[in-house]
Amino acid sequence: MNRAEPDGFEGFQDEVPQERASTGFSRSMMMSESRLSESLFDNTDVELEEGNEESNEAVREVNAVAKKEIAGVKLSKCLFLFLVLVTAGLVSAGTYVFMKDEEDDDYELSYDQFSIAMKDAVDVHVEHIYLGFESMANFISSNAALNGETFPFHTTKNFEAEGESVRKFSRAEIFGFCPFVE
């Protein structure tokens, strides 16, 4: 060994686990000592000496103070745990109330926006259908006027091509034409 060891400590460093080598104390060692000190005052009193009343009175006083301190520590632990639980509960409840209102508002807003978008899409689609019908009516009327024919007795050339372009423009699955004669 590099350093000189006092008598009786030869090889002591070899027995120390690596986790205690840096601090000198292990976590389990400190925990067991704290449990031991609590159990000394919880379960048993320091033994009184016979015939030495002054010493016995001091021991009783130390035991009473130690019990009060341990009771105070336990009370503070319980109070701390209670405060942590109450705080966590209040934060959780507040977050729930705030986020529930926020979520409801977001849902209503998105529902309103979606319904407006759907209404606009339907309006545009209906307008395209109306314009498609108007385009078809203008095509047939102008074609009949060019040929000098009247409507019921007129045959339009390329009606299929015009009907297909009107159907595509109106985005309709089926486009039917049923003339109304006044």
N, C-alpha and C. Protein backbone atom coordinates (compact mmCIF):
# COMPACT_ATOMS: atom_id res chain seq x y z
N MET A 1 0.85 -1.16 0.00
CA MET A 1 0.00 0.00 0.00
C MET A 1 0.89 1.23 0.00
N ASN A 2 0.40 2.28 -0.63
CA ASN A 2 1.19 3.49 -0.79
C ASN A 2 1.26 4.31 0.49
N ARG A 3 0.21 4.33 1.28
CA ARG A 3 0.22 5.17 2.47
C ARG A 3 0.29 4.30 3.71
N ALA A 4 0.73 4.88 4.78
CA ALA A 4 0.89 4.12 6.02
C ALA A 4 -0.45 3.97 6.69
N GLU A 5 -0.75 2.76 7.17
CA GLU A 5 -2.02 2.47 7.82
C GLU A 5 -1.77 2.33 9.31
N PRO A 6 -2.68 2.83 10.15
CA PRO A 6 -2.51 2.61 11.59
C PRO A 6 -2.67 1.13 11.92
N ASP A 7 -2.22 0.77 13.10
CA ASP A 7 -2.31 -0.63 13.51
C ASP A 7 -3.77 -1.08 13.54
N GLY A 8 -4.01 -2.27 13.06
CA GLY A 8 -5.36 -2.84 13.07
C GLY A 8 -6.17 -2.49 11.83
N PHE A 9 -5.65 -1.63 10.95
CA PHE A 9 -6.39 -1.24 9.75
C PHE A 9 -5.74 -1.78 8.49
N GLU A 10 -4.78 -2.68 8.63
CA GLU A 10 -4.15 -3.23 7.45
C GLU A 10 -5.19 -4.02 6.67
N GLY A 11 -5.24 -3.77 5.37
CA GLY A 11 -6.16 -4.52 4.51
C GLY A 11 -7.59 -4.03 4.58
N PHE A 12 -7.85 -2.99 5.36
CA PHE A 12 -9.22 -2.48 5.47
C PHE A 12 -9.72 -1.95 4.12
N GLN A 13 -8.86 -1.26 3.40
CA GLN A 13 -9.24 -0.69 2.11
C GLN A 13 -9.59 -1.79 1.11
N ASP A 14 -9.00 -2.98 1.26
CA ASP A 14 -9.30 -4.07 0.35
C ASP A 14 -10.73 -4.58 0.53
N GLU A 15 -11.29 -4.45 1.73
CA GLU A 15 -12.62 -4.96 2.01
C GLU A 15 -13.72 -3.96 1.64
N VAL A 16 -13.38 -2.70 1.37
CA VAL A 16 -14.38 -1.67 1.07
C VAL A 16 -14.83 -1.83 -0.38
N PRO A 17 -16.13 -1.96 -0.61
CA PRO A 17 -16.61 -2.04 -2.00
C PRO A 17 -16.33 -0.74 -2.74
N GLN A 18 -16.35 -0.81 -4.07
CA GLN A 18 -16.02 0.34 -4.90
C GLN A 18 -17.00 1.50 -4.70
N GLU A 19 -18.29 1.21 -4.43
CA GLU A 19 -19.25 2.29 -4.27
C GLU A 19 -18.97 3.13 -3.03
N ARG A 20 -18.32 2.55 -2.00
CA ARG A 20 -18.01 3.30 -0.79
C ARG A 20 -16.60 3.84 -0.81
N ALA A 21 -15.82 3.49 -1.78
CA ALA A 21 -14.42 3.88 -1.78
C ALA A 21 -14.26 5.40 -1.87
N SER A 22 -15.15 6.07 -2.61
CA SER A 22 -14.99 7.52 -2.78
C SER A 22 -15.51 8.29 -1.57
N THR A 23 -16.60 7.86 -0.95
CA THR A 23 -17.19 8.62 0.15
C THR A 23 -16.88 8.02 1.51
N GLY A 24 -16.64 6.77 1.56
CA GLY A 24 -16.39 6.13 2.84
C GLY A 24 -17.65 5.54 3.43
N PHE A 25 -18.83 5.93 2.94
CA PHE A 25 -20.09 5.41 3.45
C PHE A 25 -20.94 4.93 2.28
N SER A 26 -21.62 3.85 2.50
CA SER A 26 -22.54 3.38 1.47
C SER A 26 -23.94 3.88 1.79
N ARG A 27 -24.77 3.90 0.82
CA ARG A 27 -26.15 4.35 1.01
C ARG A 27 -26.89 3.42 1.97
N SER A 28 -26.69 2.13 1.79
CA SER A 28 -27.39 1.18 2.67
C SER A 28 -26.91 1.32 4.11
N MET A 29 -25.63 1.66 4.29
CA MET A 29 -25.09 1.83 5.64
C MET A 29 -25.73 3.04 6.32
N MET A 30 -25.89 4.14 5.57
CA MET A 30 -26.51 5.33 6.15
C MET A 30 -27.98 5.08 6.44
N MET A 31 -28.67 4.36 5.57
CA MET A 31 -30.09 4.08 5.79
C MET A 31 -30.27 3.19 7.01
N SER A 32 -29.41 2.19 7.15
CA SER A 32 -29.56 1.30 8.30
C SER A 32 -29.25 2.04 9.60
N GLU A 33 -28.30 2.99 9.58
CA GLU A 33 -28.01 3.77 10.78
C GLU A 33 -29.18 4.68 11.15
N SER A 34 -29.84 5.27 10.15
CA SER A 34 -30.98 6.15 10.46
C SER A 34 -32.14 5.32 11.00
N ARG A 35 -32.35 4.13 10.45
CA ARG A 35 -33.40 3.26 10.97
C ARG A 35 -33.08 2.83 12.40
N LEU A 36 -31.80 2.58 12.66
CA LEU A 36 -31.38 2.16 13.99
C LEU A 36 -31.61 3.28 15.00
N SER A 37 -31.28 4.53 14.62
CA SER A 37 -31.47 5.63 15.57
C SER A 37 -32.95 5.87 15.83
N GLU A 38 -33.81 5.71 14.83
CA GLU A 38 -35.25 5.85 15.05
C GLU A 38 -35.76 4.74 15.96
N SER A 39 -35.31 3.53 15.70
CA SER A 39 -35.82 2.41 16.48
C SER A 39 -35.33 2.46 17.92
N LEU A 40 -34.19 3.09 18.17
CA LEU A 40 -33.71 3.20 19.54
C LEU A 40 -34.69 3.97 20.41
N PHE A 41 -35.24 5.04 19.87
CA PHE A 41 -36.13 5.88 20.66
C PHE A 41 -37.59 5.48 20.51
N ASP A 42 -37.92 4.76 19.48
CA ASP A 42 -39.31 4.34 19.31
C ASP A 42 -39.65 3.15 20.19
N ASN A 43 -38.80 2.15 20.14
CA ASN A 43 -39.15 0.88 20.76
C ASN A 43 -38.59 0.70 22.17
N THR A 44 -37.42 1.20 22.39
CA THR A 44 -36.80 0.97 23.70
C THR A 44 -36.23 2.27 24.24
N ASP A 45 -36.18 2.37 25.52
CA ASP A 45 -35.53 3.50 26.17
C ASP A 45 -34.11 3.09 26.54
N VAL A 46 -33.28 4.12 26.69
CA VAL A 46 -31.93 3.83 27.17
C VAL A 46 -32.07 3.32 28.60
N GLU A 47 -31.32 2.28 28.91
CA GLU A 47 -31.48 1.66 30.23
C GLU A 47 -30.99 2.60 31.33
N LEU A 48 -31.74 2.60 32.40
CA LEU A 48 -31.40 3.43 33.55
C LEU A 48 -30.42 2.69 34.46
N GLU A 49 -29.56 3.47 35.09
CA GLU A 49 -28.60 2.87 36.01
C GLU A 49 -29.18 2.88 37.42
N GLU A 50 -28.95 1.83 38.14
CA GLU A 50 -29.45 1.77 39.52
C GLU A 50 -28.57 2.60 40.42
N GLY A 51 -29.21 3.39 41.28
CA GLY A 51 -28.47 4.15 42.27
C GLY A 51 -27.98 5.49 41.79
N ASN A 52 -28.09 5.83 40.54
CA ASN A 52 -27.61 7.11 40.03
C ASN A 52 -28.81 7.89 39.50
N GLU A 53 -29.51 8.56 40.42
CA GLU A 53 -30.75 9.27 40.06
C GLU A 53 -30.48 10.44 39.13
N GLU A 54 -29.38 11.12 39.33
CA GLU A 54 -29.07 12.28 38.47
C GLU A 54 -28.85 11.83 37.04
N SER A 55 -28.12 10.78 36.86
CA SER A 55 -27.88 10.23 35.53
C SER A 55 -29.17 9.69 34.93
N ASN A 56 -29.99 9.02 35.77
CA ASN A 56 -31.26 8.48 35.29
C ASN A 56 -32.21 9.60 34.83
N GLU A 57 -32.21 10.70 35.57
CA GLU A 57 -33.08 11.84 35.18
C GLU A 57 -32.63 12.41 33.85
N ALA A 58 -31.33 12.50 33.63
CA ALA A 58 -30.80 13.00 32.36
C ALA A 58 -31.17 12.06 31.22
N VAL A 59 -31.11 10.76 31.49
CA VAL A 59 -31.46 9.77 30.47
C VAL A 59 -32.94 9.89 30.13
N ARG A 60 -33.79 10.05 31.16
CA ARG A 60 -35.23 10.21 30.91
C ARG A 60 -35.50 11.47 30.08
N GLU A 61 -34.78 12.53 30.42
CA GLU A 61 -34.97 13.78 29.68
C GLU A 61 -34.53 13.63 28.23
N VAL A 62 -33.41 12.97 28.01
CA VAL A 62 -32.93 12.73 26.64
C VAL A 62 -33.93 11.87 25.88
N ASN A 63 -34.45 10.82 26.54
CA ASN A 63 -35.45 9.96 25.89
C ASN A 63 -36.71 10.76 25.51
N ALA A 64 -37.17 11.62 26.40
CA ALA A 64 -38.37 12.41 26.13
C ALA A 64 -38.14 13.37 24.98
N VAL A 65 -36.99 14.05 24.98
CA VAL A 65 -36.67 14.99 23.89
C VAL A 65 -36.55 14.25 22.57
N ALA A 66 -35.88 13.10 22.60
CA ALA A 66 -35.70 12.33 21.37
C ALA A 66 -37.04 11.86 20.82
N LYS A 67 -37.94 11.40 21.70
CA LYS A 67 -39.27 10.96 21.25
C LYS A 67 -40.06 12.12 20.65
N LYS A 68 -39.96 13.31 21.28
CA LYS A 68 -40.66 14.47 20.75
C LYS A 68 -40.11 14.87 19.39
N GLU A 69 -38.79 14.83 19.26
CA GLU A 69 -38.18 15.20 17.98
C GLU A 69 -38.56 14.22 16.89
N ILE A 70 -38.55 12.94 17.22
CA ILE A 70 -38.94 11.93 16.22
C ILE A 70 -40.41 12.09 15.85
N ALA A 71 -41.26 12.36 16.82
CA ALA A 71 -42.68 12.60 16.53
C ALA A 71 -42.84 13.84 15.65
N GLY A 72 -42.04 14.88 15.93
CA GLY A 72 -42.09 16.09 15.10
C GLY A 72 -41.65 15.82 13.67
N VAL A 73 -40.60 15.02 13.53
CA VAL A 73 -40.11 14.67 12.19
C VAL A 73 -41.17 13.87 11.44
N LYS A 74 -41.78 12.91 12.13
CA LYS A 74 -42.83 12.11 11.48
C LYS A 74 -44.02 12.99 11.10
N LEU A 75 -44.38 13.92 11.98
CA LEU A 75 -45.48 14.84 11.69
C LEU A 75 -45.15 15.71 10.49
N SER A 76 -43.91 16.20 10.43
CA SER A 76 -43.53 17.05 9.29
C SER A 76 -43.51 16.24 8.00
N LYS A 77 -43.11 14.97 8.06
CA LYS A 77 -43.17 14.11 6.87
C LYS A 77 -44.60 13.93 6.40
N CYS A 78 -45.50 13.67 7.34
CA CYS A 78 -46.92 13.50 6.99
C CYS A 78 -47.50 14.79 6.43
N LEU A 79 -47.15 15.92 7.05
CA LEU A 79 -47.63 17.21 6.58
C LEU A 79 -47.10 17.50 5.17
N PHE A 80 -45.84 17.21 4.95
CA PHE A 80 -45.25 17.41 3.63
C PHE A 80 -45.94 16.53 2.59
N LEU A 81 -46.16 15.26 2.92
CA LEU A 81 -46.85 14.35 2.00
C LEU A 81 -48.26 14.85 1.71
N PHE A 82 -48.96 15.30 2.74
CA PHE A 82 -50.32 15.84 2.56
C PHE A 82 -50.29 17.06 1.64
N LEU A 83 -49.35 17.97 1.87
CA LEU A 83 -49.26 19.17 1.03
C LEU A 83 -48.93 18.82 -0.41
N VAL A 84 -48.05 17.86 -0.61
CA VAL A 84 -47.71 17.44 -1.97
C VAL A 84 -48.94 16.84 -2.66
N LEU A 85 -49.68 15.99 -1.95
CA LEU A 85 -50.87 15.39 -2.54
C LEU A 85 -51.94 16.43 -2.85
N VAL A 86 -52.16 17.37 -1.93
CA VAL A 86 -53.15 18.42 -2.16
C VAL A 86 -52.74 19.29 -3.34
N THR A 87 -51.46 19.66 -3.39
CA THR A 87 -50.97 20.47 -4.51
C THR A 87 -51.12 19.73 -5.83
N ALA A 88 -50.75 18.47 -5.85
CA ALA A 88 -50.89 17.68 -7.08
C ALA A 88 -52.35 17.58 -7.49
N GLY A 89 -53.23 17.37 -6.54
CA GLY A 89 -54.66 17.29 -6.85
C GLY A 89 -55.20 18.60 -7.39
N LEU A 90 -54.82 19.71 -6.77
CA LEU A 90 -55.28 21.01 -7.25
C LEU A 90 -54.75 21.33 -8.64
N VAL A 91 -53.48 21.04 -8.87
CA VAL A 91 -52.90 21.28 -10.19
C VAL A 91 -53.59 20.41 -11.23
N SER A 92 -53.82 19.14 -10.90
CA SER A 92 -54.50 18.25 -11.85
C SER A 92 -55.92 18.72 -12.14
N ALA A 93 -56.65 19.09 -11.11
CA ALA A 93 -58.03 19.55 -11.30
C ALA A 93 -58.06 20.86 -12.10
N GLY A 94 -57.17 21.78 -11.77
CA GLY A 94 -57.11 23.04 -12.52
C GLY A 94 -56.75 22.83 -13.97
N THR A 95 -55.78 21.97 -14.21
CA THR A 95 -55.40 21.66 -15.59
C THR A 95 -56.55 21.03 -16.34
N TYR A 96 -57.27 20.12 -15.69
CA TYR A 96 -58.41 19.47 -16.33
C TYR A 96 -59.49 20.49 -16.69
N VAL A 97 -59.82 21.35 -15.74
CA VAL A 97 -60.88 22.34 -16.00
C VAL A 97 -60.46 23.29 -17.12
N PHE A 98 -59.24 23.79 -17.05
CA PHE A 98 -58.77 24.72 -18.07
C PHE A 98 -58.68 24.05 -19.43
N MET A 99 -58.09 22.87 -19.48
CA MET A 99 -57.91 22.19 -20.76
C MET A 99 -59.23 21.68 -21.33
N LYS A 100 -60.19 21.31 -20.47
CA LYS A 100 -61.49 20.85 -20.97
C LYS A 100 -62.19 21.99 -21.69
N ASP A 101 -62.20 23.17 -21.09
CA ASP A 101 -62.80 24.33 -21.75
C ASP A 101 -62.07 24.65 -23.04
N GLU A 102 -60.75 24.59 -23.00
CA GLU A 102 -59.95 24.86 -24.18
C GLU A 102 -60.24 23.84 -25.28
N GLU A 103 -60.35 22.57 -24.90
CA GLU A 103 -60.63 21.52 -25.87
C GLU A 103 -62.03 21.67 -26.46
N ASP A 104 -63.00 22.01 -25.61
CA ASP A 104 -64.36 22.24 -26.11
C ASP A 104 -64.39 23.42 -27.08
N ASP A 105 -63.68 24.49 -26.74
CA ASP A 105 -63.62 25.65 -27.63
C ASP A 105 -62.96 25.30 -28.95
N ASP A 106 -61.87 24.53 -28.90
CA ASP A 106 -61.19 24.11 -30.13
C ASP A 106 -62.11 23.25 -30.99
N TYR A 107 -62.85 22.35 -30.35
CA TYR A 107 -63.76 21.47 -31.09
C TYR A 107 -64.86 22.29 -31.77
N GLU A 108 -65.46 23.22 -31.02
CA GLU A 108 -66.53 24.04 -31.60
C GLU A 108 -66.00 24.90 -32.74
N LEU A 109 -64.81 25.47 -32.56
CA LEU A 109 -64.22 26.30 -33.60
C LEU A 109 -63.93 25.49 -34.85
N SER A 110 -63.33 24.32 -34.68
CA SER A 110 -63.02 23.49 -35.85
C SER A 110 -64.30 22.97 -36.51
N TYR A 111 -65.32 22.67 -35.71
CA TYR A 111 -66.61 22.24 -36.28
C TYR A 111 -67.23 23.37 -37.10
N ASP A 112 -67.20 24.58 -36.57
CA ASP A 112 -67.74 25.72 -37.31
C ASP A 112 -66.98 25.96 -38.61
N GLN A 113 -65.65 25.89 -38.53
CA GLN A 113 -64.84 26.10 -39.74
C GLN A 113 -65.10 25.01 -40.77
N PHE A 114 -65.23 23.77 -40.32
CA PHE A 114 -65.47 22.67 -41.24
C PHE A 114 -66.85 22.80 -41.88
N SER A 115 -67.85 23.19 -41.09
CA SER A 115 -69.20 23.34 -41.66
C SER A 115 -69.24 24.49 -42.66
N ILE A 116 -68.50 25.57 -42.39
CA ILE A 116 -68.43 26.68 -43.36
C ILE A 116 -67.75 26.22 -44.64
N ALA A 117 -66.67 25.44 -44.50
CA ALA A 117 -65.97 24.93 -45.68
C ALA A 117 -66.88 24.01 -46.49
N MET A 118 -67.65 23.15 -45.80
CA MET A 118 -68.58 22.26 -46.51
C MET A 118 -69.66 23.07 -47.23
N LYS A 119 -70.20 24.08 -46.56
CA LYS A 119 -71.24 24.92 -47.18
C LYS A 119 -70.68 25.63 -48.41
N ASP A 120 -69.46 26.16 -48.30
CA ASP A 120 -68.84 26.82 -49.45
C ASP A 120 -68.64 25.85 -50.60
N ALA A 121 -68.20 24.63 -50.29
CA ALA A 121 -67.98 23.62 -51.34
C ALA A 121 -69.30 23.26 -52.02
N VAL A 122 -70.36 23.12 -51.24
CA VAL A 122 -71.67 22.80 -51.82
C VAL A 122 -72.15 23.97 -52.68
N ASP A 123 -71.97 25.19 -52.19
CA ASP A 123 -72.39 26.37 -52.97
C ASP A 123 -71.65 26.44 -54.31
N VAL A 124 -70.36 26.20 -54.29
CA VAL A 124 -69.57 26.22 -55.52
C VAL A 124 -70.02 25.11 -56.46
N HIS A 125 -70.28 23.93 -55.91
CA HIS A 125 -70.72 22.80 -56.73
C HIS A 125 -72.08 23.09 -57.39
N VAL A 126 -73.01 23.63 -56.61
CA VAL A 126 -74.33 23.97 -57.16
C VAL A 126 -74.20 25.06 -58.22
N GLU A 127 -73.32 26.03 -57.98
CA GLU A 127 -73.11 27.08 -58.97
C GLU A 127 -72.53 26.51 -60.26
N HIS A 128 -71.61 25.56 -60.15
CA HIS A 128 -71.05 24.93 -61.35
C HIS A 128 -72.13 24.16 -62.10
N ILE A 129 -73.00 23.47 -61.38
CA ILE A 129 -74.08 22.75 -62.05
C ILE A 129 -75.00 23.74 -62.77
N TYR A 130 -75.36 24.81 -62.10
CA TYR A 130 -76.22 25.82 -62.72
C TYR A 130 -75.56 26.41 -63.96
N LEU A 131 -74.27 26.77 -63.85
CA LEU A 131 -73.56 27.32 -65.01
C LEU A 131 -73.45 26.29 -66.13
N GLY A 132 -73.29 25.01 -65.77
CA GLY A 132 -73.26 23.95 -66.78
C GLY A 132 -74.57 23.86 -67.54
N PHE A 133 -75.69 23.89 -66.82
CA PHE A 133 -77.00 23.87 -67.47
C PHE A 133 -77.19 25.11 -68.36
N GLU A 134 -76.78 26.26 -67.85
CA GLU A 134 -76.90 27.49 -68.63
C GLU A 134 -76.05 27.42 -69.89
N SER A 135 -74.85 26.87 -69.76
CA SER A 135 -73.98 26.71 -70.92
C SER A 135 -74.61 25.77 -71.95
N MET A 136 -75.20 24.67 -71.49
CA MET A 136 -75.84 23.73 -72.40
C MET A 136 -77.05 24.38 -73.09
N ALA A 137 -77.83 25.14 -72.33
CA ALA A 137 -79.00 25.81 -72.92
C ALA A 137 -78.57 26.83 -73.97
N ASN A 138 -77.52 27.60 -73.68
CA ASN A 138 -77.02 28.57 -74.65
C ASN A 138 -76.48 27.88 -75.90
N PHE A 139 -75.80 26.74 -75.70
CA PHE A 139 -75.26 25.99 -76.84
C PHE A 139 -76.39 25.51 -77.75
N ILE A 140 -77.44 24.94 -77.18
CA ILE A 140 -78.55 24.42 -77.99
C ILE A 140 -79.30 25.58 -78.65
N SER A 141 -79.56 26.64 -77.91
CA SER A 141 -80.30 27.78 -78.48
C SER A 141 -79.53 28.45 -79.60
N SER A 142 -78.24 28.67 -79.41
CA SER A 142 -77.43 29.32 -80.45
C SER A 142 -77.30 28.42 -81.67
N ASN A 143 -77.17 27.13 -81.46
CA ASN A 143 -77.07 26.19 -82.57
C ASN A 143 -78.38 26.16 -83.36
N ALA A 144 -79.52 26.20 -82.68
CA ALA A 144 -80.82 26.20 -83.35
C ALA A 144 -81.02 27.51 -84.12
N ALA A 145 -80.59 28.63 -83.55
CA ALA A 145 -80.73 29.93 -84.24
C ALA A 145 -79.86 29.99 -85.48
N LEU A 146 -78.65 29.40 -85.42
CA LEU A 146 -77.75 29.40 -86.59
C LEU A 146 -78.34 28.57 -87.73
N ASN A 147 -79.02 27.50 -87.42
CA ASN A 147 -79.58 26.62 -88.45
C ASN A 147 -80.99 27.05 -88.86
N GLY A 148 -81.55 28.05 -88.20
CA GLY A 148 -82.88 28.54 -88.54
C GLY A 148 -83.97 27.57 -88.16
N GLU A 149 -83.76 26.79 -87.11
CA GLU A 149 -84.76 25.82 -86.67
C GLU A 149 -85.37 26.28 -85.35
N THR A 150 -86.51 25.71 -85.02
CA THR A 150 -87.11 25.97 -83.72
C THR A 150 -86.70 24.85 -82.76
N PHE A 151 -86.84 25.10 -81.46
CA PHE A 151 -86.26 24.20 -80.45
C PHE A 151 -86.78 22.77 -80.50
N PRO A 152 -88.01 22.50 -80.41
CA PRO A 152 -88.34 21.08 -80.30
C PRO A 152 -87.95 20.27 -81.53
N PHE A 153 -87.79 20.93 -82.65
CA PHE A 153 -87.50 20.20 -83.89
C PHE A 153 -86.04 20.36 -84.29
N HIS A 154 -85.16 20.56 -83.34
CA HIS A 154 -83.75 20.81 -83.64
C HIS A 154 -82.90 19.64 -83.15
N THR A 155 -81.94 19.25 -83.97
CA THR A 155 -80.97 18.24 -83.59
C THR A 155 -79.61 18.92 -83.50
N THR A 156 -78.98 18.80 -82.34
CA THR A 156 -77.69 19.46 -82.12
C THR A 156 -76.58 18.51 -82.48
N LYS A 157 -75.62 19.00 -83.28
CA LYS A 157 -74.45 18.19 -83.62
C LYS A 157 -73.48 18.21 -82.45
N ASN A 158 -72.76 17.13 -82.26
CA ASN A 158 -71.76 16.99 -81.19
C ASN A 158 -72.36 17.20 -79.79
N PHE A 159 -73.59 16.77 -79.60
CA PHE A 159 -74.24 16.93 -78.30
C PHE A 159 -73.51 16.12 -77.22
N GLU A 160 -72.98 14.93 -77.58
CA GLU A 160 -72.28 14.09 -76.61
C GLU A 160 -71.02 14.77 -76.08
N ALA A 161 -70.27 15.40 -77.01
CA ALA A 161 -69.03 16.08 -76.60
C ALA A 161 -69.35 17.27 -75.71
N GLU A 162 -70.37 18.04 -76.07
CA GLU A 162 -70.75 19.20 -75.25
C GLU A 162 -71.29 18.73 -73.90
N GLY A 163 -72.10 17.68 -73.91
CA GLY A 163 -72.64 17.14 -72.66
C GLY A 163 -71.54 16.62 -71.75
N GLU A 164 -70.52 15.98 -72.34
CA GLU A 164 -69.39 15.47 -71.54
C GLU A 164 -68.60 16.61 -70.91
N SER A 165 -68.36 17.68 -71.67
CA SER A 165 -67.62 18.82 -71.11
C SER A 165 -68.42 19.51 -70.01
N VAL A 166 -69.75 19.60 -70.19
CA VAL A 166 -70.60 20.20 -69.15
C VAL A 166 -70.60 19.31 -67.91
N ARG A 167 -70.66 18.00 -68.10
CA ARG A 167 -70.64 17.07 -66.95
C ARG A 167 -69.33 17.20 -66.18
N LYS A 168 -68.22 17.28 -66.89
CA LYS A 168 -66.92 17.43 -66.22
C LYS A 168 -66.83 18.76 -65.48
N PHE A 169 -67.34 19.81 -66.11
CA PHE A 169 -67.29 21.13 -65.47
C PHE A 169 -68.13 21.17 -64.20
N SER A 170 -69.28 20.53 -64.25
CA SER A 170 -70.18 20.56 -63.09
C SER A 170 -69.80 19.51 -62.05
N ARG A 171 -68.89 18.63 -62.38
CA ARG A 171 -68.44 17.54 -61.49
C ARG A 171 -69.62 16.67 -61.06
N ALA A 172 -70.53 16.46 -61.96
CA ALA A 172 -71.69 15.62 -61.69
C ALA A 172 -71.41 14.21 -62.20
N GLU A 173 -71.95 13.23 -61.52
CA GLU A 173 -71.79 11.84 -61.97
C GLU A 173 -72.62 11.59 -63.22
N ILE A 174 -73.85 12.09 -63.22
CA ILE A 174 -74.76 11.92 -64.36
C ILE A 174 -75.31 13.30 -64.69
N PHE A 175 -75.34 13.58 -65.95
CA PHE A 175 -75.88 14.86 -66.40
C PHE A 175 -76.99 14.57 -67.39
N GLY A 176 -78.20 14.85 -66.99
CA GLY A 176 -79.34 14.61 -67.88
C GLY A 176 -79.92 15.92 -68.36
N PHE A 177 -80.47 15.87 -69.54
CA PHE A 177 -81.06 17.09 -70.10
C PHE A 177 -82.52 16.80 -70.42
N CYS A 178 -83.40 17.56 -69.80
CA CYS A 178 -84.82 17.40 -70.03
C CYS A 178 -85.38 18.80 -70.31
N PRO A 179 -85.60 19.13 -71.57
CA PRO A 179 -86.04 20.50 -71.89
C PRO A 179 -87.45 20.77 -71.42
N PHE A 180 -87.67 21.99 -71.02
CA PHE A 180 -88.99 22.44 -70.60
C PHE A 180 -89.48 23.45 -71.64
N VAL A 181 -90.57 23.15 -72.26
CA VAL A 181 -91.11 24.02 -73.31
C VAL A 181 -92.32 24.75 -72.75
N GLU A 182 -92.31 26.07 -72.88
CA GLU A 182 -93.45 26.85 -72.40
C GLU A 182 -94.48 27.02 -73.46
